[in-house]
Amino acid sequence: MITLDASLVIAHLSAHDANHHRATRFLRDSTTEVLLMHPLNLAEVLVGGVRAGRGQEMLEDLGAMGITASAAGESDPLALATLRAETALKLPDCCALATALKSGSALATFDDRLAQVATSRHVMVLPDRPD
């Protein structure tokens, strides 16, 4: 099971993103995994699709890739507030981390600060960082 941060999915969807090829390769290599996203992080990804008039289509495409929204109650408000207070991460990053912590999954992100905090909380971070 892998929790996806919006940064990885957005990189996959944007051919001009510096991490596009890494993200696409990672997702292609993870087809046998359960891929989770906190609903807020999924909404972050969908903003571009909504702006382009294809939000529902994008949501269906992400579902076809095996990406599912975690249960809404998985990260309760107190847990999110605690992560925010303890780490100073932005709330969307707290949502991704809380989902990984609650589900016991690895966290896939290109956000260096989120990766650092996740590692300090014994969450496996993917994909491997470039040397």
N, C-alpha and C. Protein backbone atom coordinates (compact mmCIF):
# COMPACT_ATOMS: atom_id res chain seq x y z
N MET A 1 0.85 -1.17 0.00
CA MET A 1 0.00 0.00 0.00
C MET A 1 0.89 1.24 0.00
N ILE A 2 0.53 2.21 -0.82
CA ILE A 2 1.30 3.45 -0.94
C ILE A 2 0.34 4.63 -0.90
N THR A 3 0.66 5.60 -0.04
CA THR A 3 -0.08 6.86 -0.03
C THR A 3 0.63 7.82 -0.98
N LEU A 4 -0.13 8.44 -1.86
CA LEU A 4 0.43 9.37 -2.83
C LEU A 4 0.20 10.81 -2.39
N ASP A 5 1.25 11.60 -2.44
CA ASP A 5 1.13 13.04 -2.25
C ASP A 5 0.77 13.65 -3.60
N ALA A 6 0.10 14.77 -3.56
CA ALA A 6 -0.32 15.44 -4.81
C ALA A 6 0.87 15.75 -5.71
N SER A 7 2.03 16.06 -5.13
CA SER A 7 3.19 16.44 -5.95
C SER A 7 3.56 15.36 -6.95
N LEU A 8 3.45 14.10 -6.56
CA LEU A 8 3.81 13.01 -7.44
C LEU A 8 2.79 12.86 -8.57
N VAL A 9 1.52 12.94 -8.24
CA VAL A 9 0.48 12.76 -9.26
C VAL A 9 0.46 13.95 -10.22
N ILE A 10 0.63 15.14 -9.70
CA ILE A 10 0.68 16.33 -10.56
C ILE A 10 1.87 16.24 -11.51
N ALA A 11 3.01 15.78 -11.01
CA ALA A 11 4.19 15.61 -11.87
C ALA A 11 3.90 14.62 -12.99
N HIS A 12 3.20 13.54 -12.66
CA HIS A 12 2.84 12.55 -13.68
C HIS A 12 1.94 13.16 -14.75
N LEU A 13 1.02 14.01 -14.35
CA LEU A 13 0.05 14.58 -15.28
C LEU A 13 0.59 15.74 -16.11
N SER A 14 1.70 16.31 -15.69
CA SER A 14 2.26 17.48 -16.37
C SER A 14 3.56 17.12 -17.08
N ALA A 15 3.51 17.03 -18.39
CA ALA A 15 4.70 16.66 -19.18
C ALA A 15 5.84 17.64 -19.00
N HIS A 16 5.56 18.86 -18.56
CA HIS A 16 6.60 19.87 -18.40
C HIS A 16 7.20 19.88 -17.00
N ASP A 17 6.68 19.08 -16.09
CA ASP A 17 7.19 19.02 -14.72
C ASP A 17 8.56 18.34 -14.72
N ALA A 18 9.48 18.86 -13.93
CA ALA A 18 10.83 18.31 -13.86
C ALA A 18 10.82 16.84 -13.41
N ASN A 19 9.82 16.43 -12.65
CA ASN A 19 9.74 15.06 -12.15
C ASN A 19 8.77 14.17 -12.94
N HIS A 20 8.33 14.66 -14.10
CA HIS A 20 7.32 13.92 -14.87
C HIS A 20 7.74 12.48 -15.15
N HIS A 21 8.92 12.28 -15.67
CA HIS A 21 9.36 10.93 -16.05
C HIS A 21 9.52 10.03 -14.83
N ARG A 22 10.06 10.57 -13.74
CA ARG A 22 10.19 9.78 -12.50
C ARG A 22 8.82 9.39 -11.98
N ALA A 23 7.87 10.33 -11.99
CA ALA A 23 6.53 10.05 -11.48
C ALA A 23 5.83 8.99 -12.34
N THR A 24 5.92 9.14 -13.64
CA THR A 24 5.28 8.20 -14.55
C THR A 24 5.88 6.81 -14.39
N ARG A 25 7.19 6.72 -14.30
CA ARG A 25 7.87 5.44 -14.10
C ARG A 25 7.43 4.82 -12.77
N PHE A 26 7.40 5.63 -11.72
CA PHE A 26 7.01 5.13 -10.40
C PHE A 26 5.58 4.57 -10.43
N LEU A 27 4.66 5.32 -11.00
CA LEU A 27 3.27 4.85 -11.05
C LEU A 27 3.13 3.61 -11.93
N ARG A 28 3.84 3.56 -13.02
CA ARG A 28 3.81 2.38 -13.90
C ARG A 28 4.34 1.15 -13.16
N ASP A 29 5.38 1.35 -12.34
CA ASP A 29 5.97 0.24 -11.59
C ASP A 29 5.18 -0.14 -10.35
N SER A 30 4.16 0.64 -10.02
CA SER A 30 3.38 0.41 -8.79
C SER A 30 1.97 -0.10 -9.08
N THR A 31 1.75 -0.66 -10.25
CA THR A 31 0.39 -1.05 -10.64
C THR A 31 -0.18 -2.16 -9.76
N THR A 32 0.66 -2.93 -9.08
CA THR A 32 0.14 -4.00 -8.22
C THR A 32 -0.14 -3.51 -6.80
N GLU A 33 0.19 -2.27 -6.52
CA GLU A 33 -0.01 -1.70 -5.18
C GLU A 33 -1.38 -1.05 -5.03
N VAL A 34 -1.86 -1.00 -3.79
CA VAL A 34 -3.03 -0.19 -3.48
C VAL A 34 -2.52 1.24 -3.36
N LEU A 35 -3.08 2.17 -4.12
CA LEU A 35 -2.65 3.56 -4.13
C LEU A 35 -3.71 4.43 -3.48
N LEU A 36 -3.36 5.05 -2.36
CA LEU A 36 -4.28 5.88 -1.59
C LEU A 36 -3.95 7.35 -1.72
N MET A 37 -4.97 8.18 -1.64
CA MET A 37 -4.77 9.62 -1.51
C MET A 37 -5.79 10.16 -0.53
N HIS A 38 -5.35 11.06 0.33
CA HIS A 38 -6.30 11.77 1.19
C HIS A 38 -7.21 12.57 0.26
N PRO A 39 -8.50 12.68 0.57
CA PRO A 39 -9.42 13.44 -0.30
C PRO A 39 -8.95 14.87 -0.59
N LEU A 40 -8.32 15.53 0.37
CA LEU A 40 -7.82 16.88 0.12
C LEU A 40 -6.70 16.88 -0.91
N ASN A 41 -5.80 15.89 -0.84
CA ASN A 41 -4.71 15.80 -1.81
C ASN A 41 -5.25 15.44 -3.19
N LEU A 42 -6.26 14.60 -3.22
CA LEU A 42 -6.90 14.26 -4.49
C LEU A 42 -7.54 15.51 -5.09
N ALA A 43 -8.15 16.32 -4.26
CA ALA A 43 -8.75 17.58 -4.73
C ALA A 43 -7.69 18.51 -5.30
N GLU A 44 -6.49 18.54 -4.67
CA GLU A 44 -5.39 19.36 -5.20
C GLU A 44 -5.08 18.97 -6.64
N VAL A 45 -5.03 17.68 -6.90
CA VAL A 45 -4.73 17.18 -8.24
C VAL A 45 -5.85 17.55 -9.22
N LEU A 46 -7.08 17.47 -8.77
CA LEU A 46 -8.23 17.68 -9.65
C LEU A 46 -8.46 19.13 -10.04
N VAL A 47 -7.85 20.07 -9.35
CA VAL A 47 -8.07 21.49 -9.65
C VAL A 47 -7.77 21.79 -11.12
N GLY A 48 -6.66 21.30 -11.63
CA GLY A 48 -6.32 21.54 -13.03
C GLY A 48 -7.35 20.97 -13.98
N GLY A 49 -7.85 19.78 -13.69
CA GLY A 49 -8.88 19.18 -14.53
C GLY A 49 -10.18 19.96 -14.49
N VAL A 50 -10.55 20.43 -13.31
CA VAL A 50 -11.77 21.24 -13.18
C VAL A 50 -11.63 22.52 -13.98
N ARG A 51 -10.47 23.17 -13.89
CA ARG A 51 -10.24 24.40 -14.65
C ARG A 51 -10.34 24.17 -16.15
N ALA A 52 -9.95 22.98 -16.59
CA ALA A 52 -10.00 22.65 -18.02
C ALA A 52 -11.35 22.08 -18.43
N GLY A 53 -12.29 22.01 -17.48
CA GLY A 53 -13.62 21.50 -17.79
C GLY A 53 -13.70 19.99 -17.87
N ARG A 54 -12.73 19.31 -17.27
CA ARG A 54 -12.75 17.85 -17.32
C ARG A 54 -12.45 17.21 -15.97
N GLY A 55 -12.97 17.81 -14.91
CA GLY A 55 -12.73 17.30 -13.57
C GLY A 55 -13.23 15.88 -13.36
N GLN A 56 -14.46 15.60 -13.76
CA GLN A 56 -15.02 14.26 -13.59
C GLN A 56 -14.23 13.24 -14.39
N GLU A 57 -13.87 13.60 -15.61
CA GLU A 57 -13.08 12.69 -16.45
C GLU A 57 -11.73 12.41 -15.81
N MET A 58 -11.11 13.44 -15.25
CA MET A 58 -9.81 13.25 -14.60
C MET A 58 -9.96 12.34 -13.38
N LEU A 59 -11.02 12.54 -12.60
CA LEU A 59 -11.25 11.68 -11.43
C LEU A 59 -11.41 10.23 -11.86
N GLU A 60 -12.13 10.00 -12.94
CA GLU A 60 -12.30 8.64 -13.46
C GLU A 60 -10.98 8.08 -13.97
N ASP A 61 -10.17 8.90 -14.63
CA ASP A 61 -8.86 8.46 -15.11
C ASP A 61 -7.96 8.05 -13.95
N LEU A 62 -7.97 8.84 -12.88
CA LEU A 62 -7.16 8.51 -11.70
C LEU A 62 -7.65 7.21 -11.08
N GLY A 63 -8.96 7.03 -11.04
CA GLY A 63 -9.52 5.78 -10.53
C GLY A 63 -9.10 4.59 -11.38
N ALA A 64 -9.07 4.78 -12.70
CA ALA A 64 -8.64 3.71 -13.60
C ALA A 64 -7.18 3.36 -13.40
N MET A 65 -6.40 4.32 -12.90
CA MET A 65 -4.99 4.06 -12.58
C MET A 65 -4.85 3.33 -11.25
N GLY A 66 -5.96 3.15 -10.54
CA GLY A 66 -5.91 2.46 -9.26
C GLY A 66 -5.79 3.37 -8.06
N ILE A 67 -5.91 4.68 -8.28
CA ILE A 67 -5.80 5.64 -7.18
C ILE A 67 -7.17 5.79 -6.53
N THR A 68 -7.22 5.56 -5.22
CA THR A 68 -8.48 5.68 -4.49
C THR A 68 -8.33 6.67 -3.34
N ALA A 69 -9.43 7.32 -3.01
CA ALA A 69 -9.44 8.25 -1.88
C ALA A 69 -9.51 7.44 -0.59
N SER A 70 -8.71 7.84 0.38
CA SER A 70 -8.78 7.18 1.68
C SER A 70 -10.10 7.55 2.34
N ALA A 71 -10.52 6.76 3.30
CA ALA A 71 -11.77 7.05 4.02
C ALA A 71 -11.66 8.41 4.69
N ALA A 72 -12.72 9.19 4.60
CA ALA A 72 -12.70 10.56 5.11
C ALA A 72 -12.33 10.62 6.58
N GLY A 73 -12.76 9.66 7.37
CA GLY A 73 -12.48 9.68 8.81
C GLY A 73 -11.10 9.20 9.18
N GLU A 74 -10.30 8.78 8.18
CA GLU A 74 -8.99 8.22 8.48
C GLU A 74 -8.07 9.20 9.18
N SER A 75 -8.18 10.46 8.87
CA SER A 75 -7.33 11.45 9.53
C SER A 75 -8.23 12.46 10.22
N ASP A 76 -8.44 12.24 11.49
CA ASP A 76 -9.35 13.11 12.21
C ASP A 76 -8.74 14.49 12.41
N PRO A 77 -9.57 15.50 12.66
CA PRO A 77 -9.08 16.87 12.79
C PRO A 77 -8.01 17.06 13.85
N LEU A 78 -8.12 16.36 14.97
CA LEU A 78 -7.13 16.50 16.03
C LEU A 78 -5.77 15.95 15.59
N ALA A 79 -5.78 14.83 14.89
CA ALA A 79 -4.52 14.27 14.39
C ALA A 79 -3.87 15.22 13.39
N LEU A 80 -4.67 15.82 12.52
CA LEU A 80 -4.12 16.77 11.55
C LEU A 80 -3.58 18.01 12.25
N ALA A 81 -4.33 18.52 13.22
CA ALA A 81 -3.88 19.70 13.96
C ALA A 81 -2.59 19.41 14.72
N THR A 82 -2.48 18.22 15.28
CA THR A 82 -1.28 17.84 16.01
C THR A 82 -0.08 17.77 15.07
N LEU A 83 -0.25 17.14 13.92
CA LEU A 83 0.84 17.08 12.94
C LEU A 83 1.25 18.48 12.51
N ARG A 84 0.28 19.33 12.25
CA ARG A 84 0.56 20.72 11.83
C ARG A 84 1.34 21.46 12.90
N ALA A 85 0.91 21.33 14.16
CA ALA A 85 1.57 22.02 15.27
C ALA A 85 2.98 21.49 15.51
N GLU A 86 3.15 20.19 15.40
CA GLU A 86 4.45 19.58 15.70
C GLU A 86 5.47 19.72 14.57
N THR A 87 4.99 19.83 13.33
CA THR A 87 5.92 19.78 12.20
C THR A 87 6.01 21.07 11.39
N ALA A 88 5.03 21.94 11.53
CA ALA A 88 4.93 23.16 10.72
C ALA A 88 4.75 22.86 9.22
N LEU A 89 4.38 21.63 8.90
CA LEU A 89 4.04 21.31 7.51
C LEU A 89 2.75 22.02 7.14
N LYS A 90 2.57 22.29 5.86
CA LYS A 90 1.30 22.82 5.39
C LYS A 90 0.24 21.74 5.57
N LEU A 91 -1.00 22.16 5.75
CA LEU A 91 -2.07 21.21 6.04
C LEU A 91 -2.23 20.13 4.96
N PRO A 92 -2.13 20.43 3.66
CA PRO A 92 -2.22 19.34 2.69
C PRO A 92 -1.12 18.28 2.88
N ASP A 93 0.08 18.71 3.26
CA ASP A 93 1.15 17.75 3.53
C ASP A 93 0.83 16.93 4.77
N CYS A 94 0.22 17.56 5.76
CA CYS A 94 -0.21 16.83 6.96
C CYS A 94 -1.24 15.77 6.60
N CYS A 95 -2.12 16.09 5.66
CA CYS A 95 -3.13 15.13 5.22
C CYS A 95 -2.48 13.89 4.60
N ALA A 96 -1.50 14.10 3.74
CA ALA A 96 -0.81 12.98 3.11
C ALA A 96 -0.07 12.15 4.16
N LEU A 97 0.63 12.82 5.06
CA LEU A 97 1.38 12.11 6.10
C LEU A 97 0.44 11.36 7.04
N ALA A 98 -0.66 11.99 7.44
CA ALA A 98 -1.62 11.33 8.34
C ALA A 98 -2.19 10.07 7.69
N THR A 99 -2.45 10.13 6.39
CA THR A 99 -2.98 8.96 5.68
C THR A 99 -1.96 7.84 5.70
N ALA A 100 -0.70 8.15 5.44
CA ALA A 100 0.35 7.13 5.47
C ALA A 100 0.51 6.55 6.87
N LEU A 101 0.50 7.40 7.87
CA LEU A 101 0.64 6.93 9.25
C LEU A 101 -0.52 6.03 9.65
N LYS A 102 -1.73 6.45 9.34
CA LYS A 102 -2.93 5.70 9.74
C LYS A 102 -3.02 4.36 9.01
N SER A 103 -2.65 4.35 7.73
CA SER A 103 -2.76 3.13 6.93
C SER A 103 -1.53 2.23 7.05
N GLY A 104 -0.46 2.75 7.64
CA GLY A 104 0.78 1.97 7.74
C GLY A 104 1.46 1.80 6.40
N SER A 105 1.19 2.72 5.49
CA SER A 105 1.73 2.61 4.14
C SER A 105 2.97 3.47 3.95
N ALA A 106 3.66 3.23 2.85
CA ALA A 106 4.74 4.11 2.42
C ALA A 106 4.11 5.40 1.90
N LEU A 107 4.91 6.45 1.79
CA LEU A 107 4.46 7.74 1.27
C LEU A 107 5.27 8.08 0.04
N ALA A 108 4.60 8.32 -1.08
CA ALA A 108 5.27 8.72 -2.31
C ALA A 108 5.11 10.22 -2.50
N THR A 109 6.24 10.93 -2.52
CA THR A 109 6.21 12.38 -2.65
C THR A 109 7.50 12.88 -3.28
N PHE A 110 7.43 14.04 -3.91
CA PHE A 110 8.63 14.74 -4.37
C PHE A 110 8.93 15.95 -3.49
N ASP A 111 8.15 16.14 -2.46
CA ASP A 111 8.32 17.26 -1.53
C ASP A 111 9.39 16.90 -0.50
N ASP A 112 10.53 17.56 -0.57
CA ASP A 112 11.66 17.22 0.30
C ASP A 112 11.35 17.40 1.78
N ARG A 113 10.67 18.46 2.13
CA ARG A 113 10.34 18.71 3.55
C ARG A 113 9.39 17.64 4.07
N LEU A 114 8.36 17.32 3.31
CA LEU A 114 7.43 16.27 3.70
C LEU A 114 8.16 14.94 3.83
N ALA A 115 9.04 14.64 2.90
CA ALA A 115 9.81 13.39 2.96
C ALA A 115 10.67 13.34 4.22
N GLN A 116 11.28 14.45 4.57
CA GLN A 116 12.12 14.51 5.77
C GLN A 116 11.30 14.24 7.03
N VAL A 117 10.15 14.89 7.15
CA VAL A 117 9.30 14.70 8.33
C VAL A 117 8.76 13.27 8.36
N ALA A 118 8.34 12.75 7.22
CA ALA A 118 7.83 11.38 7.17
C ALA A 118 8.89 10.39 7.62
N THR A 119 10.11 10.56 7.14
CA THR A 119 11.20 9.68 7.52
C THR A 119 11.45 9.75 9.02
N SER A 120 11.38 10.94 9.59
CA SER A 120 11.60 11.09 11.03
C SER A 120 10.51 10.39 11.84
N ARG A 121 9.38 10.13 11.21
CA ARG A 121 8.27 9.43 11.87
C ARG A 121 8.19 7.97 11.41
N HIS A 122 9.28 7.48 10.86
CA HIS A 122 9.43 6.08 10.47
C HIS A 122 8.46 5.65 9.37
N VAL A 123 8.15 6.57 8.48
CA VAL A 123 7.34 6.25 7.30
C VAL A 123 8.31 6.09 6.13
N MET A 124 8.20 4.98 5.42
CA MET A 124 9.04 4.77 4.24
C MET A 124 8.64 5.78 3.17
N VAL A 125 9.63 6.44 2.58
CA VAL A 125 9.38 7.45 1.56
C VAL A 125 9.84 6.92 0.20
N LEU A 126 8.98 7.07 -0.78
CA LEU A 126 9.24 6.67 -2.15
C LEU A 126 8.98 7.86 -3.06
N PRO A 127 9.39 7.86 -4.30
CA PRO A 127 10.44 7.00 -4.83
C PRO A 127 11.79 7.39 -4.24
N ASP A 128 12.77 6.53 -4.49
CA ASP A 128 14.11 6.82 -3.98
C ASP A 128 14.55 8.20 -4.45
N ARG A 129 15.25 8.91 -3.58
CA ARG A 129 15.75 10.24 -3.90
C ARG A 129 16.94 10.12 -4.85
N PRO A 130 17.01 11.00 -5.87
CA PRO A 130 18.17 10.97 -6.77
C PRO A 130 19.43 11.36 -6.01
N ASP A 131 20.53 10.81 -6.42
CA ASP A 131 21.82 11.12 -5.75
C ASP A 131 22.26 12.53 -6.00
